[in-house]
C-alpha cells in the first residue's frame, strides 16, 4: 500500500505514478491478478529511495542545528 500518490510531492517518481494510474485505468479487471505489479514494485522502490533521501537530509540538518545549538550553549556558559 502506498501513501497518497501525488506527483508534486515526489516529482522524481511522477512517471511511475502516472504509469500505475494508467495501468489501473486500462486494465480494470486484470489489475487484480497482478498485471500492474511490475510498475507498482518500481514505484515502491522509487518512493523508498525518496524517503531514504529525505530522512538522510533531515538527519544531517538536525545534526547541524544541534551542533550550532551546543556551540551557542557553550558560548553562553563561558560568558557567565
Protein backbone atom coordinates (compact mmCIF):
# COMPACT_ATOMS: atom_id res chain seq x y z
CA UNK A 1 0.00 0.00 0.00
CA UNK A 2 1.38 3.38 -0.97
CA UNK A 3 0.80 6.71 0.67
CA UNK A 4 -1.40 9.11 -1.23
CA UNK A 5 0.31 9.38 -4.60
CA UNK A 6 0.72 12.94 -5.74
CA UNK A 7 3.17 13.88 -8.44
CA UNK A 8 4.04 17.24 -6.88
CA UNK A 9 5.30 15.63 -3.66
CA UNK A 10 7.60 13.17 -5.42
CA UNK A 11 8.46 14.61 -8.84
CA UNK A 12 11.22 12.03 -9.40
CA UNK A 13 8.58 9.28 -9.26
CA UNK A 14 5.96 11.15 -11.31
CA UNK A 15 6.38 8.99 -14.42
CA UNK A 16 5.88 5.81 -12.39
CA UNK A 17 2.85 7.26 -10.61
CA UNK A 18 1.32 8.15 -13.97
CA UNK A 19 2.17 4.69 -15.36
CA UNK A 20 0.46 3.00 -12.40
CA UNK A 21 -2.65 5.16 -12.75
CA UNK A 22 -2.75 4.41 -16.48
CA UNK A 23 -2.33 0.68 -15.87
CA UNK A 24 -5.15 0.68 -13.33
CA UNK A 25 -7.45 2.59 -15.69
CA UNK A 26 -6.71 0.47 -18.75
CA UNK A 27 -6.69 -2.93 -17.04
CA UNK A 28 -9.70 -2.67 -14.78
CA UNK A 29 -10.13 -6.40 -14.14
CA UNK A 30 -6.69 -7.86 -14.79
CA UNK A 31 -5.08 -5.42 -12.33
CA UNK A 32 -6.49 -7.66 -9.61
CA UNK A 33 -4.43 -10.55 -10.99
CA UNK A 34 -1.09 -8.74 -10.90
CA UNK A 35 -0.72 -7.17 -14.33
CA UNK A 36 0.32 -3.85 -12.77
CA UNK A 37 2.67 -5.35 -10.18
CA UNK A 38 5.87 -4.55 -12.10
CA UNK A 39 5.04 -0.85 -12.23
CA UNK A 40 3.91 -0.94 -8.61
CA UNK A 41 7.18 -2.55 -7.49
CA UNK A 42 9.22 0.04 -9.40
CA UNK A 43 7.16 2.79 -7.79
CA UNK A 44 7.71 1.27 -4.36
CA UNK A 45 11.48 1.29 -4.92
CA UNK A 46 11.37 4.89 -6.13
CA UNK A 47 9.31 6.03 -3.13
CA UNK A 48 11.61 4.13 -0.77
CA UNK A 49 14.68 5.82 -2.27
CA UNK A 50 12.98 9.20 -1.93
CA UNK A 51 12.08 8.52 1.70
CA UNK A 52 15.66 7.44 2.50
CA UNK A 53 16.99 10.60 0.86
CA UNK A 54 14.59 12.82 2.81
CA UNK A 55 15.48 11.01 6.04
CA UNK A 56 19.19 11.45 5.38
CA UNK A 57 18.80 15.18 4.63
CA UNK A 58 16.63 15.66 7.71
CA UNK A 59 19.15 13.88 9.94
CA UNK A 60 22.02 15.98 8.56
CA UNK A 61 20.04 19.17 9.16
CA UNK A 62 19.12 18.09 12.70
CA UNK A 63 22.76 17.30 13.50
CA UNK A 64 23.86 20.68 12.15
CA UNK A 65 21.21 22.50 14.19
CA UNK A 66 22.19 20.52 17.28
CA UNK A 67 25.87 21.38 16.80
CA UNK A 68 25.02 25.07 16.37
CA UNK A 69 22.86 24.99 19.49
CA UNK A 70 25.56 23.29 21.55
CA UNK A 71 28.05 25.89 20.33
CA UNK A 72 25.72 28.66 21.49
CA UNK A 73 25.24 26.96 24.86
CA UNK A 74 29.00 26.66 25.27
CA UNK A 75 29.48 30.34 24.42
CA UNK A 76 26.73 31.29 26.86
CA UNK A 77 28.28 29.19 29.65
CA UNK A 78 31.71 30.71 29.03
CA UNK A 79 30.25 34.23 29.13
CA UNK A 80 28.89 33.71 32.63
